[in-house]
Amino acid sequence: MTQSQQASSKAKICVIGSCSMDLVVTSSKRPVAGETVLGESFKTVPGGKGANQAVAAARLGAEVTMIGRVGDDHLGATILQNFKDNNVNVDYVEPVTDMESGTAHIILADGDNSIIVVKAANDHVTPDYVAQAIEVIQASDIVMIQQEIPEETVTYVSQICADANVPLLLNPAPARPVNDTVIKNLSYITPNEHEAAVVFEGQTLEEALRQHPNRLFVTEGSNGVRYYDGQQEVVVPTYKVEAIDTTGAGDTFNAAFGVALAEGQSLQDALRFGNRAASLSVTKFGAQGGMPTRQEVEEQL
């Protein structure tokens, strides 16, 4: 099956995770403790790791349902409208009464980003809330989840997916330990090097990779993605571009990787597709601003 034929069949993807608003400051210098510096710009853009992955997957041609929470504030209304503008199903994105929406406070400086996340309404993505959408989860080609929502929800979703034989892709960000139940139930886990050290504490990277062949994929920024194929370590290189804003690159990779896997592409092709999409995403401003369409990725592959 060609990629075009796969795209036309529309992979069904369920994303369970955070919906936030990114408050982004651009500066030539990152302040140290107690220091004040003058910034160059300030922008407010929709974000959250779950929302980012949902929007990226939808732009890449998937049929995407988002499961998450927003606040009953103006930011929540903006987040919901952004989903609709990007063709993401929001039947399971409900406002939390008397609660503010999640926010991410981002400093872009020195060619990289620093982020503080305030979860707010995202803490209400509970197992009971997710249970309302269990049929959507069971009918998905792949489920994608991250760690800006409660740990017990990730465990609950992992069991639903295992029982229904639905592949689960965990992007373990932000970094926190992942319990044995989730590790056993997931199909794919995609930490960066820092997150891998937290999730697989006490193991070297080589040991962790060998223990999870074709399941553990460590993203190494401009170096590419590293995994163990059962015989040797493999690094799938990324594509060289001039980066404008790296925010959301990991989310774009995860979404593209998930879409390709849901379509039945090989691991190598899925990783290349993910790397290509991520490389394009950093050439524009904002976590979602640079997320490419399916056509844009295929033209560059």
C-alpha atoms as a PDB file:
ATOM      1  CA  MET A   1       0.000   0.000   0.000  1.00  0.00           C
ATOM      2  CA  THR A   2       1.375   3.414  -0.898  1.00  0.00           C
ATOM      3  CA  GLN A   3       1.464   6.277   1.582  1.00  0.00           C
ATOM      4  CA  SER A   4      -1.233   8.071  -0.407  1.00  0.00           C
ATOM      5  CA  GLN A   5      -3.522   5.040  -0.239  1.00  0.00           C
ATOM      6  CA  GLN A   6      -2.833   4.720   3.476  1.00  0.00           C
ATOM      7  CA  ALA A   7      -3.629   8.374   4.030  1.00  0.00           C
ATOM      8  CA  SER A   8      -6.941   8.029   2.203  1.00  0.00           C
ATOM      9  CA  SER A   9      -8.025   5.263   4.598  1.00  0.00           C
ATOM     10  CA  LYS A  10      -7.645   7.700   7.552  1.00  0.00           C
ATOM     11  CA  ALA A  11      -6.039   6.166  10.604  1.00  0.00           C
ATOM     12  CA  LYS A  12      -8.208   6.482  13.729  1.00  0.00           C
ATOM     13  CA  ILE A  13      -6.188   8.030  16.522  1.00  0.00           C
ATOM     14  CA  CYS A  14      -7.244   8.805  20.078  1.00  0.00           C
ATOM     15  CA  VAL A  15      -5.103  11.270  22.007  1.00  0.00           C
ATOM     16  CA  ILE A  16      -5.494  11.408  25.789  1.00  0.00           C
ATOM     17  CA  GLY A  17      -3.649  14.251  27.446  1.00  0.00           C
ATOM     18  CA  SER A  18      -3.232  17.902  28.232  1.00  0.00           C
ATOM     19  CA  CYS A  19      -4.774  20.971  26.606  1.00  0.00           C
ATOM     20  CA  SER A  20      -3.124  24.260  27.506  1.00  0.00           C
ATOM     21  CA  MET A  21      -2.318  27.756  26.380  1.00  0.00           C
ATOM     22  CA  ASP A  22       1.335  28.572  25.757  1.00  0.00           C
ATOM     23  CA  LEU A  23       2.505  31.996  26.937  1.00  0.00           C
ATOM     24  CA  VAL A  24       5.701  32.496  24.954  1.00  0.00           C
ATOM     25  CA  VAL A  25       8.413  35.086  25.578  1.00  0.00           C
ATOM     26  CA  THR A  26      11.283  35.471  23.122  1.00  0.00           C
ATOM     27  CA  SER A  27      14.529  36.921  24.454  1.00  0.00           C
ATOM     28  CA  SER A  28      18.158  37.184  23.387  1.00  0.00           C
ATOM     29  CA  LYS A  29      19.168  36.001  26.871  1.00  0.00           C
ATOM     30  CA  ARG A  30      17.713  33.657  29.486  1.00  0.00           C
ATOM     31  CA  PRO A  31      17.613  35.384  32.911  1.00  0.00           C
ATOM     32  CA  VAL A  32      19.390  33.791  35.857  1.00  0.00           C
ATOM     33  CA  ALA A  33      17.862  33.846  39.348  1.00  0.00           C
ATOM     34  CA  GLY A  34      17.151  37.393  40.474  1.00  0.00           C
ATOM     35  CA  GLU A  35      17.890  38.912  37.061  1.00  0.00           C
ATOM     36  CA  THR A  36      15.554  40.971  34.859  1.00  0.00           C
ATOM     37  CA  VAL A  37      16.137  41.096  31.111  1.00  0.00           C
ATOM     38  CA  LEU A  38      14.231  42.790  28.305  1.00  0.00           C
ATOM     39  CA  GLY A  39      12.330  40.441  26.048  1.00  0.00           C
ATOM     40  CA  GLU A  40      11.799  40.807  22.320  1.00  0.00           C
ATOM     41  CA  SER A  41       8.230  39.512  21.911  1.00  0.00           C
ATOM     42  CA  PHE A  42       5.276  37.870  23.674  1.00  0.00           C
ATOM     43  CA  LYS A  43       2.691  35.581  22.087  1.00  0.00           C
ATOM     44  CA  THR A  44      -0.222  33.457  23.295  1.00  0.00           C
ATOM     45  CA  VAL A  45      -0.639  30.220  21.326  1.00  0.00           C
ATOM     46  CA  PRO A  46      -2.556  26.948  21.944  1.00  0.00           C
ATOM     47  CA  GLY A  47      -0.433  24.106  23.291  1.00  0.00           C
ATOM     48  CA  GLY A  48      -0.247  21.252  25.779  1.00  0.00           C
ATOM     49  CA  LYS A  49       1.440  17.989  24.845  1.00  0.00           C
ATOM     50  CA  GLY A  50      -1.847  16.190  24.223  1.00  0.00           C
ATOM     51  CA  ALA A  51      -3.341  18.991  22.175  1.00  0.00           C
ATOM     52  CA  ASN A  52      -0.136  19.404  20.189  1.00  0.00           C
ATOM     53  CA  GLN A  53      -0.066  15.727  19.263  1.00  0.00           C
ATOM     54  CA  ALA A  54      -3.759  15.748  18.356  1.00  0.00           C
ATOM     55  CA  VAL A  55      -3.404  18.771  16.064  1.00  0.00           C
ATOM     56  CA  ALA A  56      -0.247  17.395  14.461  1.00  0.00           C
ATOM     57  CA  ALA A  57      -1.883  14.015  13.782  1.00  0.00           C
ATOM     58  CA  ALA A  58      -4.962  15.674  12.273  1.00  0.00           C
ATOM     59  CA  ARG A  59      -2.823  17.811   9.953  1.00  0.00           C
ATOM     60  CA  LEU A  60      -1.081  14.629   8.837  1.00  0.00           C
ATOM     61  CA  GLY A  61      -4.381  13.156   7.681  1.00  0.00           C
ATOM     62  CA  ALA A  62      -5.573  11.086  10.645  1.00  0.00           C
ATOM     63  CA  GLU A  63      -9.087  11.013  12.101  1.00  0.00           C
ATOM     64  CA  VAL A  64      -8.358  12.303  15.602  1.00  0.00           C
ATOM     65  CA  THR A  65     -10.420  12.321  18.801  1.00  0.00           C
ATOM     66  CA  MET A  66      -9.050  14.287  21.751  1.00  0.00           C
ATOM     67  CA  ILE A  67      -9.822  13.320  25.355  1.00  0.00           C
ATOM     68  CA  GLY A  68      -8.950  16.107  27.786  1.00  0.00           C
ATOM     69  CA  ARG A  69     -10.177  19.014  29.923  1.00  0.00           C
ATOM     70  CA  VAL A  70     -10.038  22.792  29.677  1.00  0.00           C
ATOM     71  CA  GLY A  71     -11.033  25.513  32.129  1.00  0.00           C
ATOM     72  CA  ASP A  72     -14.294  27.446  31.935  1.00  0.00           C
ATOM     73  CA  ASP A  73     -12.348  30.586  30.991  1.00  0.00           C
ATOM     74  CA  HIS A  74     -11.597  32.453  27.775  1.00  0.00           C
ATOM     75  CA  LEU A  75      -8.451  30.381  27.272  1.00  0.00           C
ATOM     76  CA  GLY A  76     -10.539  27.194  27.317  1.00  0.00           C
ATOM     77  CA  ALA A  77     -12.876  28.584  24.656  1.00  0.00           C
ATOM     78  CA  THR A  78      -9.886  29.479  22.485  1.00  0.00           C
ATOM     79  CA  ILE A  79      -8.359  26.006  22.907  1.00  0.00           C
ATOM     80  CA  LEU A  80     -11.646  24.339  21.880  1.00  0.00           C
ATOM     81  CA  GLN A  81     -11.986  26.558  18.816  1.00  0.00           C
ATOM     82  CA  ASN A  82      -8.416  25.754  17.794  1.00  0.00           C
ATOM     83  CA  PHE A  83      -9.210  22.027  17.897  1.00  0.00           C
ATOM     84  CA  LYS A  84     -12.250  22.576  15.680  1.00  0.00           C
ATOM     85  CA  ASP A  85     -10.206  24.675  13.253  1.00  0.00           C
ATOM     86  CA  ASN A  86      -7.780  21.749  12.939  1.00  0.00           C
ATOM     87  CA  ASN A  87     -10.480  19.071  12.466  1.00  0.00           C
ATOM     88  CA  VAL A  88      -9.965  17.422  15.864  1.00  0.00           C
ATOM     89  CA  ASN A  89     -13.070  15.824  17.435  1.00  0.00           C
ATOM     90  CA  VAL A  90     -13.767  17.541  20.795  1.00  0.00           C
ATOM     91  CA  ASP A  91     -16.751  15.487  21.996  1.00  0.00           C
ATOM     92  CA  TYR A  92     -14.620  14.480  25.018  1.00  0.00           C
ATOM     93  CA  VAL A  93     -12.996  17.834  25.840  1.00  0.00           C
ATOM     94  CA  GLU A  94     -15.229  19.264  28.565  1.00  0.00           C
ATOM     95  CA  PRO A  95     -14.667  22.485  30.563  1.00  0.00           C
ATOM     96  CA  VAL A  96     -14.101  22.110  34.319  1.00  0.00           C
ATOM     97  CA  THR A  97     -16.421  24.409  36.319  1.00  0.00           C
ATOM     98  CA  ASP A  98     -14.673  27.182  38.277  1.00  0.00           C
ATOM     99  CA  MET A  99     -11.229  26.079  37.091  1.00  0.00           C
ATOM    100  CA  GLU A 100      -8.670  27.821  34.914  1.00  0.00           C
ATOM    101  CA  SER A 101      -7.197  26.208  31.808  1.00  0.00           C
ATOM    102  CA  GLY A 102      -3.702  24.760  31.888  1.00  0.00           C
ATOM    103  CA  THR A 103      -0.871  27.047  30.865  1.00  0.00           C
ATOM    104  CA  ALA A 104       2.739  26.630  29.776  1.00  0.00           C
ATOM    105  CA  HIS A 105       5.112  29.531  30.379  1.00  0.00           C
ATOM    106  CA  ILE A 106       7.852  29.349  27.769  1.00  0.00           C
ATOM    107  CA  ILE A 107      11.094  31.291  27.377  1.00  0.00           C
ATOM    108  CA  LEU A 108      12.769  31.075  23.974  1.00  0.00           C
ATOM    109  CA  ALA A 109      16.412  32.095  24.283  1.00  0.00           C
ATOM    110  CA  ASP A 110      19.870  30.914  23.281  1.00  0.00           C
ATOM    111  CA  GLY A 111      18.425  28.673  20.548  1.00  0.00           C
ATOM    112  CA  ASP A 112      16.382  26.532  22.941  1.00  0.00           C
ATOM    113  CA  ASN A 113      13.390  26.674  25.296  1.00  0.00           C
ATOM    114  CA  SER A 114      12.669  26.582  29.034  1.00  0.00           C
ATOM    115  CA  ILE A 115       9.125  25.710  30.118  1.00  0.00           C
ATOM    116  CA  ILE A 116       7.074  25.843  33.338  1.00  0.00           C
ATOM    117  CA  VAL A 117       3.731  24.002  33.101  1.00  0.00           C
ATOM    118  CA  VAL A 118       0.710  24.770  35.333  1.00  0.00           C
ATOM    119  CA  LYS A 119      -1.640  21.800  34.937  1.00  0.00           C
ATOM    120  CA  ALA A 120      -4.886  23.302  36.337  1.00  0.00           C
ATOM    121  CA  ALA A 121      -7.836  21.691  34.447  1.00  0.00           C
ATOM    122  CA  ASN A 122      -5.566  18.964  33.085  1.00  0.00           C
ATOM    123  CA  ASP A 123      -5.503  17.381  36.558  1.00  0.00           C
ATOM    124  CA  HIS A 124      -9.188  16.571  35.975  1.00  0.00           C
ATOM    125  CA  VAL A 125      -8.414  14.096  33.183  1.00  0.00           C
ATOM    126  CA  THR A 126      -9.184  11.297  35.647  1.00  0.00           C
ATOM    127  CA  PRO A 127      -9.889   7.596  35.053  1.00  0.00           C
ATOM    128  CA  ASP A 128     -13.602   8.222  35.659  1.00  0.00           C
ATOM    129  CA  TYR A 129     -13.627  10.993  33.071  1.00  0.00           C
ATOM    130  CA  VAL A 130     -11.749   8.896  30.487  1.00  0.00           C
ATOM    131  CA  ALA A 131     -14.120   5.970  31.092  1.00  0.00           C
ATOM    132  CA  GLN A 132     -16.845   7.932  29.277  1.00  0.00           C
ATOM    133  CA  ALA A 133     -14.839   7.494  26.069  1.00  0.00           C
ATOM    134  CA  ILE A 134     -13.892   3.831  26.459  1.00  0.00           C
ATOM    135  CA  GLU A 135     -15.585   2.830  23.187  1.00  0.00           C
ATOM    136  CA  VAL A 136     -13.581   5.451  21.281  1.00  0.00           C
ATOM    137  CA  ILE A 137     -10.367   4.112  22.799  1.00  0.00           C
ATOM    138  CA  GLN A 138     -11.260   0.521  21.949  1.00  0.00           C
ATOM    139  CA  ALA A 139     -12.054   1.444  18.327  1.00  0.00           C
ATOM    140  CA  SER A 140      -8.788   3.335  17.717  1.00  0.00           C
ATOM    141  CA  ASP A 141      -5.907   2.190  15.514  1.00  0.00           C
ATOM    142  CA  ILE A 142      -3.511   3.665  18.077  1.00  0.00           C
ATOM    143  CA  VAL A 143      -3.822   5.605  21.339  1.00  0.00           C
ATOM    144  CA  MET A 144      -1.311   8.316  22.251  1.00  0.00           C
ATOM    145  CA  ILE A 145      -0.816   9.525  25.818  1.00  0.00           C
ATOM    146  CA  GLN A 146       1.647  11.716  27.749  1.00  0.00           C
ATOM    147  CA  GLN A 147       2.390  12.660  31.374  1.00  0.00           C
ATOM    148  CA  GLU A 148       0.844  16.104  31.887  1.00  0.00           C
ATOM    149  CA  ILE A 149      -2.224  14.285  33.283  1.00  0.00           C
ATOM    150  CA  PRO A 150      -2.559  12.156  36.469  1.00  0.00           C
ATOM    151  CA  GLU A 151      -0.412   9.031  36.686  1.00  0.00           C
ATOM    152  CA  GLU A 152      -3.412   6.839  37.585  1.00  0.00           C
ATOM    153  CA  THR A 153      -5.084   7.853  34.304  1.00  0.00           C
ATOM    154  CA  VAL A 154      -2.088   6.665  32.286  1.00  0.00           C
ATOM    155  CA  THR A 155      -2.211   3.333  34.134  1.00  0.00           C
ATOM    156  CA  TYR A 156      -5.971   3.023  33.550  1.00  0.00           C
ATOM    157  CA  VAL A 157      -5.678   3.764  29.838  1.00  0.00           C
ATOM    158  CA  SER A 158      -2.809   1.305  29.458  1.00  0.00           C
ATOM    159  CA  GLN A 159      -5.030  -1.476  30.808  1.00  0.00           C
ATOM    160  CA  ILE A 160      -7.942  -0.555  28.504  1.00  0.00           C
ATOM    161  CA  CYS A 161      -5.589  -0.685  25.527  1.00  0.00           C
ATOM    162  CA  ALA A 162      -4.034  -3.981  26.608  1.00  0.00           C
ATOM    163  CA  ASP A 163      -7.464  -5.588  27.112  1.00  0.00           C
ATOM    164  CA  ALA A 164      -8.696  -4.318  23.718  1.00  0.00           C
ATOM    165  CA  ASN A 165      -5.411  -5.131  21.915  1.00  0.00           C
ATOM    166  CA  VAL A 166      -5.050  -1.483  20.848  1.00  0.00           C
ATOM    167  CA  PRO A 167      -1.472  -0.185  20.461  1.00  0.00           C
ATOM    168  CA  LEU A 168      -0.519   2.442  23.056  1.00  0.00           C
ATOM    169  CA  LEU A 169       2.207   5.024  22.431  1.00  0.00           C
ATOM    170  CA  LEU A 170       3.461   6.695  25.614  1.00  0.00           C
ATOM    171  CA  ASN A 171       5.490   9.877  25.332  1.00  0.00           C
ATOM    172  CA  PRO A 172       6.779   9.999  28.954  1.00  0.00           C
ATOM    173  CA  ALA A 173       7.005  13.781  29.178  1.00  0.00           C
ATOM    174  CA  PRO A 174       7.399  15.546  31.462  1.00  0.00           C
ATOM    175  CA  ALA A 175       9.748  13.052  33.071  1.00  0.00           C
ATOM    176  CA  ARG A 176       8.482  10.960  35.969  1.00  0.00           C
ATOM    177  CA  PRO A 177       8.782   7.252  36.813  1.00  0.00           C
ATOM    178  CA  VAL A 178       6.507   4.912  34.834  1.00  0.00           C
ATOM    179  CA  ASN A 179       5.073   1.955  36.753  1.00  0.00           C
ATOM    180  CA  ASP A 180       5.545  -1.664  35.704  1.00  0.00           C
ATOM    181  CA  THR A 181       1.908  -2.072  34.642  1.00  0.00           C
ATOM    182  CA  VAL A 182       2.206   0.695  32.077  1.00  0.00           C
ATOM    183  CA  ILE A 183       5.583  -0.562  30.822  1.00  0.00           C
ATOM    184  CA  LYS A 184       4.076  -4.030  30.359  1.00  0.00           C
ATOM    185  CA  ASN A 185       0.970  -2.748  28.571  1.00  0.00           C
ATOM    186  CA  LEU A 186       2.422  -0.170  26.193  1.00  0.00           C
ATOM    187  CA  SER A 187       3.481  -0.860  22.623  1.00  0.00           C
ATOM    188  CA  TYR A 188       5.823   2.091  22.130  1.00  0.00           C
ATOM    189  CA  ILE A 189       7.579   4.532  24.482  1.00  0.00           C
ATOM    190  CA  THR A 190       9.379   7.619  23.177  1.00  0.00           C
ATOM    191  CA  PRO A 191      11.461   9.421  25.822  1.00  0.00           C
ATOM    192  CA  ASN A 192      14.233  11.878  25.133  1.00  0.00           C
ATOM    193  CA  GLU A 193      17.581  11.135  26.783  1.00  0.00           C
ATOM    194  CA  HIS A 194      16.684  12.919  30.048  1.00  0.00           C
ATOM    195  CA  GLU A 195      13.280  11.205  30.289  1.00  0.00           C
ATOM    196  CA  ALA A 196      14.841   7.806  29.531  1.00  0.00           C
ATOM    197  CA  ALA A 197      17.213   8.243  32.492  1.00  0.00           C
ATOM    198  CA  VAL A 198      14.220   8.877  34.792  1.00  0.00           C
ATOM    199  CA  VAL A 199      11.963   6.127  33.421  1.00  0.00           C
ATOM    200  CA  PHE A 200      14.727   3.496  33.324  1.00  0.00           C
ATOM    201  CA  GLU A 201      16.578   4.614  36.443  1.00  0.00           C
ATOM    202  CA  GLY A 202      19.361   2.236  37.445  1.00  0.00           C
ATOM    203  CA  GLN A 203      19.883   1.032  33.879  1.00  0.00           C
ATOM    204  CA  THR A 204      22.235   2.308  31.245  1.00  0.00           C
ATOM    205  CA  LEU A 205      20.616   3.430  27.998  1.00  0.00           C
ATOM    206  CA  GLU A 206      22.080   0.396  26.261  1.00  0.00           C
ATOM    207  CA  GLU A 207      20.543  -1.940  28.849  1.00  0.00           C
ATOM    208  CA  ALA A 208      17.131  -0.288  28.582  1.00  0.00           C
ATOM    209  CA  LEU A 209      17.162  -0.427  24.780  1.00  0.00           C
ATOM    210  CA  ARG A 210      18.103  -4.121  24.767  1.00  0.00           C
ATOM    211  CA  GLN A 211      15.377  -4.903  27.283  1.00  0.00           C
ATOM    212  CA  HIS A 212      12.737  -3.249  25.069  1.00  0.00           C
ATOM    213  CA  PRO A 213      13.555  -4.074  21.441  1.00  0.00           C
ATOM    214  CA  ASN A 214      11.362  -2.268  18.885  1.00  0.00           C
ATOM    215  CA  ARG A 215       9.400  -0.665  21.761  1.00  0.00           C
ATOM    216  CA  LEU A 216      11.755   1.942  23.239  1.00  0.00           C
ATOM    217  CA  PHE A 217      12.644   4.838  20.925  1.00  0.00           C
ATOM    218  CA  VAL A 218      14.932   7.488  22.416  1.00  0.00           C
ATOM    219  CA  THR A 219      14.795  10.864  20.683  1.00  0.00           C
ATOM    220  CA  GLU A 220      18.198  12.545  20.602  1.00  0.00           C
ATOM    221  CA  GLY A 221      17.398  15.927  19.088  1.00  0.00           C
ATOM    222  CA  SER A 222      19.510  16.747  16.062  1.00  0.00           C
ATOM    223  CA  ASN A 223      21.100  13.286  16.207  1.00  0.00           C
ATOM    224  CA  GLY A 224      17.850  11.448  15.412  1.00  0.00           C
ATOM    225  CA  VAL A 225      16.114   8.498  17.124  1.00  0.00           C
ATOM    226  CA  ARG A 226      17.846   5.501  18.712  1.00  0.00           C
ATOM    227  CA  TYR A 227      16.346   2.035  19.249  1.00  0.00           C
ATOM    228  CA  TYR A 228      17.357  -1.643  19.459  1.00  0.00           C
ATOM    229  CA  ASP A 229      16.013  -3.835  16.651  1.00  0.00           C
ATOM    230  CA  GLY A 230      16.667  -7.157  18.389  1.00  0.00           C
ATOM    231  CA  GLN A 231      20.176  -7.486  16.984  1.00  0.00           C
ATOM    232  CA  GLN A 232      21.819  -4.069  17.152  1.00  0.00           C
ATOM    233  CA  GLU A 233      21.296  -0.455  18.093  1.00  0.00           C
ATOM    234  CA  VAL A 234      19.995   1.625  15.207  1.00  0.00           C
ATOM    235  CA  VAL A 235      20.013   5.414  14.891  1.00  0.00           C
ATOM    236  CA  VAL A 236      17.562   6.844  12.366  1.00  0.00           C
ATOM    237  CA  PRO A 237      19.040  10.253  11.522  1.00  0.00           C
ATOM    238  CA  THR A 238      17.017  13.422  11.478  1.00  0.00           C
ATOM    239  CA  TYR A 239      16.989  16.083   8.763  1.00  0.00           C
ATOM    240  CA  LYS A 240      19.137  19.213   8.998  1.00  0.00           C
ATOM    241  CA  VAL A 241      17.185  22.482   9.022  1.00  0.00           C
ATOM    242  CA  GLU A 242      17.596  25.982  10.419  1.00  0.00           C
ATOM    243  CA  ALA A 243      15.597  25.937  13.653  1.00  0.00           C
ATOM    244  CA  ILE A 244      13.420  28.932  14.514  1.00  0.00           C
ATOM    245  CA  ASP A 245      11.530  27.441  17.489  1.00  0.00           C
ATOM    246  CA  THR A 246      12.032  23.916  18.852  1.00  0.00           C
ATOM    247  CA  THR A 247       8.847  23.987  20.980  1.00  0.00           C
ATOM    248  CA  GLY A 248       6.559  21.132  19.911  1.00  0.00           C
ATOM    249  CA  ALA A 249       9.140  19.241  17.856  1.00  0.00           C
ATOM    250  CA  GLY A 250       8.855  16.193  20.103  1.00  0.00           C
ATOM    251  CA  ASP A 251       5.061  16.304  19.926  1.00  0.00           C
ATOM    252  CA  THR A 252       5.195  16.519  16.137  1.00  0.00           C
ATOM    253  CA  PHE A 253       7.540  13.525  16.020  1.00  0.00           C
ATOM    254  CA  ASN A 254       5.254  11.467  18.252  1.00  0.00           C
ATOM    255  CA  ALA A 255       2.161  12.351  16.251  1.00  0.00           C
ATOM    256  CA  ALA A 256       3.770  11.569  12.908  1.00  0.00           C
ATOM    257  CA  PHE A 257       5.310   8.346  14.237  1.00  0.00           C
ATOM    258  CA  GLY A 258       1.902   7.321  15.621  1.00  0.00           C
ATOM    259  CA  VAL A 259       0.063   8.154  12.395  1.00  0.00           C
ATOM    260  CA  ALA A 260       2.525   6.137  10.316  1.00  0.00           C
ATOM    261  CA  LEU A 261       2.326   3.147  12.683  1.00  0.00           C
ATOM    262  CA  ALA A 262      -1.482   3.301  12.661  1.00  0.00           C
ATOM    263  CA  GLU A 263      -1.362   3.148   8.875  1.00  0.00           C
ATOM    264  CA  GLY A 264       0.783   0.008   8.991  1.00  0.00           C
ATOM    265  CA  GLN A 265       4.057   1.557   7.850  1.00  0.00           C
ATOM    266  CA  SER A 266       7.290  -0.217   8.826  1.00  0.00           C
ATOM    267  CA  LEU A 267       9.202   0.967  11.887  1.00  0.00           C
ATOM    268  CA  GLN A 268      11.944   2.469   9.735  1.00  0.00           C
ATOM    269  CA  ASP A 269       9.475   4.305   7.508  1.00  0.00           C
ATOM    270  CA  ALA A 270       7.473   5.490  10.529  1.00  0.00           C
ATOM    271  CA  LEU A 271      10.614   6.847  12.196  1.00  0.00           C
ATOM    272  CA  ARG A 272      11.697   8.622   9.033  1.00  0.00           C
ATOM    273  CA  PHE A 273       8.203  10.099   8.673  1.00  0.00           C
ATOM    274  CA  GLY A 274       8.346  11.264  12.306  1.00  0.00           C
ATOM    275  CA  ASN A 275      11.797  12.799  11.899  1.00  0.00           C
ATOM    276  CA  ARG A 276      10.833  14.594   8.704  1.00  0.00           C
ATOM    277  CA  ALA A 277       7.678  16.070  10.256  1.00  0.00           C
ATOM    278  CA  ALA A 278       9.572  17.156  13.378  1.00  0.00           C
ATOM    279  CA  SER A 279      12.309  18.799  11.329  1.00  0.00           C
ATOM    280  CA  LEU A 280       9.732  20.851   9.437  1.00  0.00           C
ATOM    281  CA  SER A 281       7.966  21.852  12.662  1.00  0.00           C
ATOM    282  CA  VAL A 282      10.976  23.751  14.054  1.00  0.00           C
ATOM    283  CA  THR A 283      11.219  26.068  11.046  1.00  0.00           C
ATOM    284  CA  LYS A 284       8.257  28.198  12.207  1.00  0.00           C
ATOM    285  CA  PHE A 285       7.179  29.845  15.474  1.00  0.00           C
ATOM    286  CA  GLY A 286       5.018  28.111  18.083  1.00  0.00           C
ATOM    287  CA  ALA A 287       4.420  24.515  19.125  1.00  0.00           C
ATOM    288  CA  GLN A 288       1.613  24.152  16.576  1.00  0.00           C
ATOM    289  CA  GLY A 289       2.604  26.952  14.204  1.00  0.00           C
ATOM    290  CA  GLY A 290       5.088  24.854  12.276  1.00  0.00           C
ATOM    291  CA  MET A 291       3.310  21.511  12.394  1.00  0.00           C
ATOM    292  CA  PRO A 292       3.250  20.377   8.764  1.00  0.00           C
ATOM    293  CA  THR A 293       0.474  18.949   6.608  1.00  0.00           C
ATOM    294  CA  ARG A 294       0.689  15.483   5.099  1.00  0.00           C
ATOM    295  CA  GLN A 295       1.544  16.941   1.705  1.00  0.00           C
ATOM    296  CA  GLU A 296       4.365  19.049   3.120  1.00  0.00           C
ATOM    297  CA  VAL A 297       5.991  16.022   4.765  1.00  0.00           C
ATOM    298  CA  GLU A 298       5.642  13.740   1.759  1.00  0.00           C
ATOM    299  CA  GLU A 299       7.093  16.392  -0.562  1.00  0.00           C
ATOM    300  CA  GLN A 300      10.229  16.504   1.632  1.00  0.00           C
ATOM    301  CA  LEU A 301      10.683  12.771   2.172  1.00  0.00           C
END
